[in-house]
Amino acid sequence: METKFIVCFARPIVEKLSIETFATSKEEAVLKAMETLKNTHDRDWSGKYDPESYTICVDWIEELDDREESEEIDQTFQDESTKYLLLQADTDTGEGTIIPQPWLMMQSALMIADLSKDWSSQLIALEQEGFDEFLRVSCPTKSAKIIPFPDNKTP
C-alpha cells in the first residue's frame, strides 16, 4: 500500500552586485564597498537559478496522515533546522574558501565540530575521488614497479 508524502526541495540562487569604489588597497575597497552595500536594495542584485552549475536537493520529507492536507503540512513542517554552508571555488586557480554564514556563528562549539566532521569526511572523499581521476587520466597504464629498498639491519 502506498503512503502519501510531501517532499520539499531547495535550490541555490546566487545573486551578484558589483560596486565601484576608489581605494588605496583591496582591503580598503572591500570596506568601502560594504558601506555602500548597506544602501542597496533587492532590485539592485541580479541572478537566477543556474541548473548547469547547481543542483536541486531534498530539504525535507514528511509522511502525511490521510487526514492531513498538503497545504497544512507545508506550513506545519517548514524545517527551520536545515541550513546551508557556502563553499566558494575559483575554477581557474583551484583555490577554495568556506564562507561562514550567520547561522553557523549561533551554533554551539560541539555542533560546529559535529557538522565539520561530517562535511570534512565528504570533502576528503571528493578530494580523493578527484585525485584518483587525475591519476587515471594522467597515468592511464598505472604500471608502476615498486622496488624495495634494503634496510640497513640486514647483514
N, C-alpha and C. Protein backbone atom coordinates (compact mmCIF):
# COMPACT_ATOMS: atom_id res chain seq x y z
N MET A 1 0.84 -1.18 0.00
CA MET A 1 0.00 0.00 0.00
C MET A 1 0.89 1.25 0.00
N GLU A 2 0.56 2.17 -0.86
CA GLU A 2 1.35 3.39 -0.95
C GLU A 2 1.00 4.34 0.19
N THR A 3 2.00 5.11 0.60
CA THR A 3 1.85 6.12 1.64
C THR A 3 2.02 7.49 1.00
N LYS A 4 1.30 8.46 1.50
CA LYS A 4 1.39 9.80 0.96
C LYS A 4 2.52 10.57 1.67
N PHE A 5 3.38 11.23 0.88
CA PHE A 5 4.49 12.02 1.41
C PHE A 5 4.44 13.42 0.83
N ILE A 6 5.03 14.34 1.54
CA ILE A 6 5.30 15.66 0.98
C ILE A 6 6.82 15.83 1.01
N VAL A 7 7.37 16.25 -0.12
CA VAL A 7 8.82 16.41 -0.26
C VAL A 7 9.09 17.88 -0.59
N CYS A 8 9.92 18.52 0.21
CA CYS A 8 10.28 19.92 -0.01
C CYS A 8 11.69 19.96 -0.59
N PHE A 9 11.85 20.66 -1.70
CA PHE A 9 13.14 20.78 -2.37
C PHE A 9 13.72 22.18 -2.15
N ALA A 10 15.02 22.29 -2.29
CA ALA A 10 15.71 23.58 -2.23
C ALA A 10 16.67 23.67 -3.40
N ARG A 11 16.83 24.87 -3.93
CA ARG A 11 17.82 25.08 -4.99
C ARG A 11 18.52 26.40 -4.74
N PRO A 12 19.83 26.43 -4.94
CA PRO A 12 20.58 27.66 -4.67
C PRO A 12 20.44 28.67 -5.79
N ILE A 13 20.30 29.90 -5.39
CA ILE A 13 20.27 31.01 -6.34
C ILE A 13 21.35 31.99 -5.88
N VAL A 14 22.33 32.22 -6.73
CA VAL A 14 23.41 33.13 -6.39
C VAL A 14 23.11 34.47 -7.06
N GLU A 15 22.96 35.49 -6.24
CA GLU A 15 22.74 36.84 -6.75
C GLU A 15 24.05 37.62 -6.59
N LYS A 16 24.31 38.49 -7.55
CA LYS A 16 25.54 39.27 -7.51
C LYS A 16 25.24 40.75 -7.68
N LEU A 17 26.15 41.56 -7.16
CA LEU A 17 26.07 43.01 -7.26
C LEU A 17 27.49 43.54 -7.32
N SER A 18 27.79 44.35 -8.31
CA SER A 18 29.11 44.97 -8.44
C SER A 18 29.04 46.41 -7.98
N ILE A 19 30.02 46.81 -7.16
CA ILE A 19 30.07 48.17 -6.64
C ILE A 19 31.44 48.74 -6.98
N GLU A 20 31.44 49.91 -7.64
CA GLU A 20 32.70 50.59 -7.96
C GLU A 20 33.06 51.52 -6.82
N THR A 21 34.34 51.55 -6.45
CA THR A 21 34.80 52.42 -5.39
C THR A 21 36.27 52.76 -5.61
N PHE A 22 36.72 53.85 -5.05
CA PHE A 22 38.13 54.24 -5.10
C PHE A 22 38.76 53.94 -3.76
N ALA A 23 39.94 53.33 -3.79
CA ALA A 23 40.62 52.98 -2.55
C ALA A 23 42.11 52.84 -2.81
N THR A 24 42.88 52.76 -1.73
CA THR A 24 44.33 52.59 -1.85
C THR A 24 44.77 51.13 -1.76
N SER A 25 43.83 50.23 -1.42
CA SER A 25 44.15 48.80 -1.35
C SER A 25 42.88 47.98 -1.55
N LYS A 26 43.05 46.70 -1.79
CA LYS A 26 41.88 45.82 -1.95
C LYS A 26 41.07 45.76 -0.67
N GLU A 27 41.76 45.72 0.48
CA GLU A 27 41.08 45.66 1.77
C GLU A 27 40.21 46.89 1.99
N GLU A 28 40.79 48.08 1.67
CA GLU A 28 40.03 49.31 1.81
C GLU A 28 38.86 49.34 0.83
N ALA A 29 39.06 48.83 -0.38
CA ALA A 29 37.99 48.79 -1.38
C ALA A 29 36.83 47.94 -0.88
N VAL A 30 37.14 46.81 -0.27
CA VAL A 30 36.08 45.94 0.26
C VAL A 30 35.32 46.66 1.36
N LEU A 31 36.03 47.32 2.28
CA LEU A 31 35.37 48.03 3.37
C LEU A 31 34.46 49.15 2.85
N LYS A 32 34.95 49.91 1.87
CA LYS A 32 34.15 51.00 1.30
C LYS A 32 32.93 50.44 0.56
N ALA A 33 33.14 49.36 -0.19
CA ALA A 33 32.03 48.76 -0.93
C ALA A 33 30.99 48.20 0.03
N MET A 34 31.44 47.64 1.15
CA MET A 34 30.49 47.11 2.14
C MET A 34 29.66 48.24 2.76
N GLU A 35 30.24 49.40 2.92
CA GLU A 35 29.47 50.56 3.40
C GLU A 35 28.40 50.94 2.39
N THR A 36 28.77 50.97 1.11
CA THR A 36 27.82 51.28 0.04
C THR A 36 26.74 50.21 -0.02
N LEU A 37 27.11 48.97 0.23
CA LEU A 37 26.19 47.83 0.17
C LEU A 37 24.99 48.03 1.10
N LYS A 38 25.21 48.70 2.22
CA LYS A 38 24.13 48.93 3.19
C LYS A 38 22.98 49.73 2.59
N ASN A 39 23.26 50.52 1.55
CA ASN A 39 22.24 51.38 0.94
C ASN A 39 21.65 50.80 -0.34
N THR A 40 21.91 49.54 -0.62
CA THR A 40 21.37 48.93 -1.84
C THR A 40 20.02 48.28 -1.55
N HIS A 41 19.32 47.94 -2.60
CA HIS A 41 18.00 47.31 -2.49
C HIS A 41 18.04 45.96 -3.19
N ASP A 42 17.06 45.13 -2.92
CA ASP A 42 16.98 43.81 -3.57
C ASP A 42 16.98 43.94 -5.09
N ARG A 43 16.35 44.98 -5.60
CA ARG A 43 16.26 45.15 -7.06
C ARG A 43 17.62 45.42 -7.71
N ASP A 44 18.62 45.83 -6.90
CA ASP A 44 19.96 46.11 -7.43
C ASP A 44 20.75 44.84 -7.74
N TRP A 45 20.33 43.74 -7.15
CA TRP A 45 21.03 42.46 -7.30
C TRP A 45 20.51 41.74 -8.55
N SER A 46 21.38 40.92 -9.14
CA SER A 46 20.93 40.12 -10.29
C SER A 46 21.40 38.68 -10.10
N GLY A 47 20.62 37.77 -10.63
CA GLY A 47 20.95 36.36 -10.53
C GLY A 47 19.71 35.51 -10.59
N LYS A 48 19.88 34.28 -10.99
CA LYS A 48 18.76 33.34 -11.04
C LYS A 48 19.32 31.93 -10.90
N TYR A 49 18.44 30.98 -10.79
CA TYR A 49 18.86 29.59 -10.65
C TYR A 49 19.57 29.13 -11.92
N ASP A 50 20.74 28.51 -11.75
CA ASP A 50 21.56 28.03 -12.86
C ASP A 50 21.68 26.50 -12.76
N PRO A 51 20.81 25.76 -13.47
CA PRO A 51 20.81 24.29 -13.35
C PRO A 51 22.07 23.63 -13.89
N GLU A 52 22.86 24.32 -14.69
CA GLU A 52 24.11 23.74 -15.19
C GLU A 52 25.21 23.78 -14.14
N SER A 53 25.10 24.69 -13.18
CA SER A 53 26.12 24.82 -12.14
C SER A 53 25.69 24.31 -10.77
N TYR A 54 24.38 24.27 -10.53
CA TYR A 54 23.88 23.91 -9.21
C TYR A 54 22.77 22.88 -9.31
N THR A 55 22.65 22.07 -8.28
CA THR A 55 21.65 21.01 -8.28
C THR A 55 20.56 21.31 -7.25
N ILE A 56 19.45 20.67 -7.44
CA ILE A 56 18.34 20.75 -6.50
C ILE A 56 18.54 19.64 -5.47
N CYS A 57 18.25 19.94 -4.20
CA CYS A 57 18.39 18.90 -3.17
C CYS A 57 17.09 18.79 -2.38
N VAL A 58 16.92 17.67 -1.72
CA VAL A 58 15.76 17.47 -0.84
C VAL A 58 16.04 18.22 0.45
N ASP A 59 15.18 19.16 0.79
CA ASP A 59 15.32 19.95 2.01
C ASP A 59 14.71 19.19 3.19
N TRP A 60 13.54 18.62 2.97
CA TRP A 60 12.92 17.77 3.99
C TRP A 60 11.83 16.92 3.34
N ILE A 61 11.47 15.84 4.02
CA ILE A 61 10.42 14.94 3.55
C ILE A 61 9.60 14.52 4.77
N GLU A 62 8.30 14.46 4.60
CA GLU A 62 7.43 14.09 5.72
C GLU A 62 6.30 13.19 5.22
N GLU A 63 6.03 12.16 5.98
CA GLU A 63 4.91 11.27 5.67
C GLU A 63 3.62 11.95 6.11
N LEU A 64 2.61 11.92 5.25
CA LEU A 64 1.34 12.56 5.56
C LEU A 64 0.34 11.56 6.11
N ASP A 65 -0.39 12.02 7.07
CA ASP A 65 -1.53 11.27 7.57
C ASP A 65 -2.64 11.44 6.53
N ASP A 66 -3.47 10.44 6.31
CA ASP A 66 -4.53 10.52 5.31
C ASP A 66 -5.45 11.71 5.52
N ARG A 67 -5.59 12.16 6.74
CA ARG A 67 -6.50 13.27 7.04
C ARG A 67 -5.87 14.63 6.75
N GLU A 68 -4.56 14.68 6.65
CA GLU A 68 -3.87 15.96 6.51
C GLU A 68 -3.81 16.41 5.05
N GLU A 69 -3.93 17.66 4.84
CA GLU A 69 -3.82 18.25 3.51
C GLU A 69 -2.41 18.79 3.32
N SER A 70 -1.94 18.78 2.10
CA SER A 70 -0.59 19.24 1.79
C SER A 70 -0.34 20.67 2.25
N GLU A 71 -1.31 21.57 2.08
CA GLU A 71 -1.12 22.96 2.46
C GLU A 71 -0.87 23.10 3.96
N GLU A 72 -1.64 22.34 4.76
CA GLU A 72 -1.46 22.39 6.21
C GLU A 72 -0.08 21.89 6.59
N ILE A 73 0.35 20.81 5.99
CA ILE A 73 1.65 20.21 6.29
C ILE A 73 2.77 21.14 5.87
N ASP A 74 2.62 21.78 4.72
CA ASP A 74 3.65 22.68 4.21
C ASP A 74 3.93 23.77 5.24
N GLN A 75 2.90 24.29 5.89
CA GLN A 75 3.07 25.32 6.91
C GLN A 75 3.60 24.72 8.21
N THR A 76 3.12 23.54 8.56
CA THR A 76 3.47 22.92 9.83
C THR A 76 4.91 22.43 9.86
N PHE A 77 5.37 21.85 8.76
CA PHE A 77 6.67 21.20 8.76
C PHE A 77 7.78 22.02 8.09
N GLN A 78 7.60 23.32 7.99
CA GLN A 78 8.69 24.13 7.47
C GLN A 78 9.89 23.91 8.38
N ASP A 79 10.88 23.21 7.87
CA ASP A 79 12.03 22.81 8.67
C ASP A 79 13.04 23.94 8.74
N GLU A 80 13.05 24.63 9.84
CA GLU A 80 13.99 25.74 10.03
C GLU A 80 15.35 25.25 10.48
N SER A 81 15.49 23.95 10.76
CA SER A 81 16.78 23.44 11.23
C SER A 81 17.73 23.12 10.09
N THR A 82 17.25 23.06 8.85
CA THR A 82 18.13 22.80 7.72
C THR A 82 18.73 24.11 7.25
N LYS A 83 20.06 24.16 7.28
CA LYS A 83 20.79 25.36 6.87
C LYS A 83 21.81 24.95 5.81
N TYR A 84 22.40 25.94 5.15
CA TYR A 84 23.36 25.68 4.09
C TYR A 84 24.63 26.48 4.32
N LEU A 85 25.76 25.82 4.08
CA LEU A 85 27.07 26.46 4.18
C LEU A 85 27.59 26.67 2.77
N LEU A 86 28.24 27.78 2.52
CA LEU A 86 28.74 28.06 1.18
C LEU A 86 30.22 27.73 1.07
N LEU A 87 30.56 27.04 -0.02
CA LEU A 87 31.95 26.81 -0.38
C LEU A 87 32.17 27.57 -1.68
N GLN A 88 33.12 28.48 -1.69
CA GLN A 88 33.40 29.28 -2.87
C GLN A 88 34.60 28.66 -3.59
N ALA A 89 34.49 28.51 -4.91
CA ALA A 89 35.55 27.89 -5.69
C ALA A 89 35.97 28.78 -6.85
N ASP A 90 37.27 28.95 -7.04
CA ASP A 90 37.80 29.60 -8.23
C ASP A 90 38.28 28.48 -9.14
N THR A 91 37.52 28.17 -10.17
CA THR A 91 37.84 27.03 -11.03
C THR A 91 38.97 27.33 -12.00
N ASP A 92 39.46 28.56 -12.02
CA ASP A 92 40.65 28.87 -12.81
C ASP A 92 41.92 28.56 -12.03
N THR A 93 41.94 28.94 -10.74
CA THR A 93 43.15 28.77 -9.94
C THR A 93 43.13 27.53 -9.06
N GLY A 94 41.95 26.96 -8.85
CA GLY A 94 41.85 25.81 -7.96
C GLY A 94 41.82 26.19 -6.50
N GLU A 95 41.57 27.45 -6.21
CA GLU A 95 41.50 27.92 -4.82
C GLU A 95 40.07 27.80 -4.31
N GLY A 96 39.92 27.44 -3.05
CA GLY A 96 38.59 27.32 -2.46
C GLY A 96 38.54 27.94 -1.08
N THR A 97 37.36 28.40 -0.70
CA THR A 97 37.17 29.08 0.58
C THR A 97 35.81 28.69 1.16
N ILE A 98 35.77 28.53 2.47
CA ILE A 98 34.49 28.37 3.17
C ILE A 98 33.99 29.77 3.50
N ILE A 99 32.73 30.04 3.22
CA ILE A 99 32.13 31.33 3.56
C ILE A 99 31.16 31.08 4.71
N PRO A 100 31.60 31.34 5.95
CA PRO A 100 30.73 31.10 7.11
C PRO A 100 29.47 31.96 7.02
N GLN A 101 28.37 31.40 7.42
CA GLN A 101 27.08 32.09 7.40
C GLN A 101 26.68 32.47 8.83
N PRO A 102 25.84 33.49 8.98
CA PRO A 102 25.45 33.94 10.33
C PRO A 102 24.88 32.82 11.21
N TRP A 103 24.11 31.90 10.64
CA TRP A 103 23.51 30.83 11.44
C TRP A 103 24.59 29.97 12.09
N LEU A 104 25.74 29.81 11.43
CA LEU A 104 26.81 28.96 11.95
C LEU A 104 27.38 29.55 13.24
N MET A 105 27.48 30.86 13.29
CA MET A 105 28.04 31.53 14.46
C MET A 105 27.12 31.42 15.68
N MET A 106 25.86 31.02 15.46
CA MET A 106 24.90 30.89 16.57
C MET A 106 24.87 29.45 17.12
N GLN A 107 25.68 28.56 16.56
CA GLN A 107 25.69 27.17 17.00
C GLN A 107 26.73 26.96 18.09
N SER A 108 26.53 25.91 18.87
CA SER A 108 27.50 25.58 19.92
C SER A 108 28.78 25.04 19.28
N ALA A 109 29.86 25.08 20.03
CA ALA A 109 31.13 24.55 19.55
C ALA A 109 31.00 23.06 19.22
N LEU A 110 30.23 22.34 20.01
CA LEU A 110 30.02 20.90 19.77
C LEU A 110 29.28 20.67 18.46
N MET A 111 28.25 21.48 18.19
CA MET A 111 27.50 21.34 16.93
C MET A 111 28.40 21.66 15.74
N ILE A 112 29.20 22.72 15.84
CA ILE A 112 30.11 23.08 14.76
C ILE A 112 31.11 21.96 14.51
N ALA A 113 31.63 21.37 15.59
CA ALA A 113 32.58 20.25 15.45
C ALA A 113 31.91 19.06 14.77
N ASP A 114 30.68 18.75 15.17
CA ASP A 114 29.95 17.62 14.59
C ASP A 114 29.68 17.84 13.10
N LEU A 115 29.18 19.02 12.76
CA LEU A 115 28.91 19.34 11.36
C LEU A 115 30.20 19.33 10.54
N SER A 116 31.25 19.92 11.09
CA SER A 116 32.53 19.98 10.39
C SER A 116 33.08 18.60 10.10
N LYS A 117 32.91 17.68 11.05
CA LYS A 117 33.36 16.30 10.84
C LYS A 117 32.61 15.68 9.65
N ASP A 118 31.30 15.86 9.62
CA ASP A 118 30.51 15.32 8.51
C ASP A 118 30.94 15.94 7.18
N TRP A 119 31.06 17.27 7.16
CA TRP A 119 31.45 17.95 5.92
C TRP A 119 32.85 17.54 5.48
N SER A 120 33.79 17.52 6.44
CA SER A 120 35.18 17.23 6.06
C SER A 120 35.34 15.82 5.53
N SER A 121 34.61 14.86 6.09
CA SER A 121 34.74 13.48 5.58
C SER A 121 34.21 13.40 4.14
N GLN A 122 33.16 14.14 3.84
CA GLN A 122 32.64 14.16 2.47
C GLN A 122 33.59 14.89 1.52
N LEU A 123 34.21 15.97 2.01
CA LEU A 123 35.17 16.70 1.18
C LEU A 123 36.44 15.90 0.94
N ILE A 124 36.87 15.15 1.95
CA ILE A 124 38.05 14.29 1.79
C ILE A 124 37.77 13.22 0.75
N ALA A 125 36.58 12.64 0.79
CA ALA A 125 36.21 11.62 -0.20
C ALA A 125 36.18 12.24 -1.60
N LEU A 126 35.66 13.47 -1.72
CA LEU A 126 35.63 14.16 -3.00
C LEU A 126 37.04 14.46 -3.49
N GLU A 127 37.90 14.88 -2.57
CA GLU A 127 39.30 15.16 -2.92
C GLU A 127 39.98 13.89 -3.42
N GLN A 128 39.77 12.77 -2.73
CA GLN A 128 40.38 11.51 -3.14
C GLN A 128 39.85 11.06 -4.50
N GLU A 129 38.54 11.24 -4.71
CA GLU A 129 37.94 10.88 -5.99
C GLU A 129 38.56 11.71 -7.12
N GLY A 130 38.77 13.00 -6.87
CA GLY A 130 39.40 13.86 -7.86
C GLY A 130 40.84 13.47 -8.12
N PHE A 131 41.57 13.12 -7.07
CA PHE A 131 42.96 12.70 -7.22
C PHE A 131 43.05 11.38 -7.97
N ASP A 132 42.14 10.44 -7.65
CA ASP A 132 42.12 9.15 -8.35
C ASP A 132 41.83 9.35 -9.84
N GLU A 133 40.91 10.25 -10.16
CA GLU A 133 40.60 10.55 -11.55
C GLU A 133 41.78 11.20 -12.25
N PHE A 134 42.47 12.10 -11.54
CA PHE A 134 43.67 12.73 -12.10
C PHE A 134 44.71 11.67 -12.43
N LEU A 135 44.93 10.72 -11.52
CA LEU A 135 45.89 9.64 -11.78
C LEU A 135 45.45 8.79 -12.96
N ARG A 136 44.15 8.50 -13.04
CA ARG A 136 43.64 7.68 -14.13
C ARG A 136 43.88 8.34 -15.47
N VAL A 137 43.65 9.65 -15.54
CA VAL A 137 43.83 10.39 -16.79
C VAL A 137 45.30 10.64 -17.09
N SER A 138 46.07 11.00 -16.05
CA SER A 138 47.48 11.35 -16.25
C SER A 138 48.37 10.14 -16.45
N CYS A 139 48.05 9.06 -15.79
CA CYS A 139 48.86 7.84 -15.85
C CYS A 139 47.95 6.66 -16.18
N PRO A 140 47.46 6.58 -17.41
CA PRO A 140 46.45 5.58 -17.72
C PRO A 140 46.91 4.13 -17.54
N THR A 141 48.20 3.87 -17.64
CA THR A 141 48.66 2.47 -17.51
C THR A 141 48.75 2.04 -16.07
N LYS A 142 49.04 2.95 -15.18
CA LYS A 142 49.19 2.64 -13.76
C LYS A 142 50.14 1.47 -13.54
N SER A 143 51.14 1.34 -14.39
CA SER A 143 52.08 0.23 -14.23
C SER A 143 53.35 0.75 -13.59
N ALA A 144 53.31 0.88 -12.29
CA ALA A 144 54.49 1.31 -11.57
C ALA A 144 55.15 0.10 -10.94
N LYS A 145 56.45 0.05 -11.01
CA LYS A 145 57.20 -1.03 -10.40
C LYS A 145 57.67 -0.57 -9.04
N ILE A 146 57.38 -1.35 -8.04
CA ILE A 146 57.81 -0.99 -6.69
C ILE A 146 59.12 -1.72 -6.41
N ILE A 147 60.14 -0.95 -6.11
CA ILE A 147 61.45 -1.52 -5.83
C ILE A 147 61.69 -1.40 -4.34
N PRO A 148 61.81 -2.54 -3.65
CA PRO A 148 62.04 -2.48 -2.21
C PRO A 148 63.48 -2.01 -1.92
N PHE A 149 63.57 -1.09 -0.97
CA PHE A 149 64.89 -0.63 -0.56
C PHE A 149 65.38 -1.50 0.58
N PRO A 150 66.63 -1.93 0.50
CA PRO A 150 67.15 -2.78 1.58
C PRO A 150 67.29 -1.96 2.86
N ASP A 151 66.96 -2.60 3.96
CA ASP A 151 67.17 -1.91 5.23
C ASP A 151 68.62 -2.13 5.69
N ASN A 152 69.09 -1.31 6.54
CA ASN A 152 70.48 -1.38 7.00
C ASN A 152 70.70 -2.45 8.04
N LYS A 153 69.65 -3.11 8.45
CA LYS A 153 69.75 -4.12 9.51
C LYS A 153 70.16 -5.47 8.95
N THR A 154 70.03 -5.69 7.67
CA THR A 154 70.35 -6.98 7.10
C THR A 154 71.87 -7.12 6.99
N PRO A 155 72.43 -8.29 7.49
CA PRO A 155 73.90 -8.45 7.46
C PRO A 155 74.42 -8.68 6.06
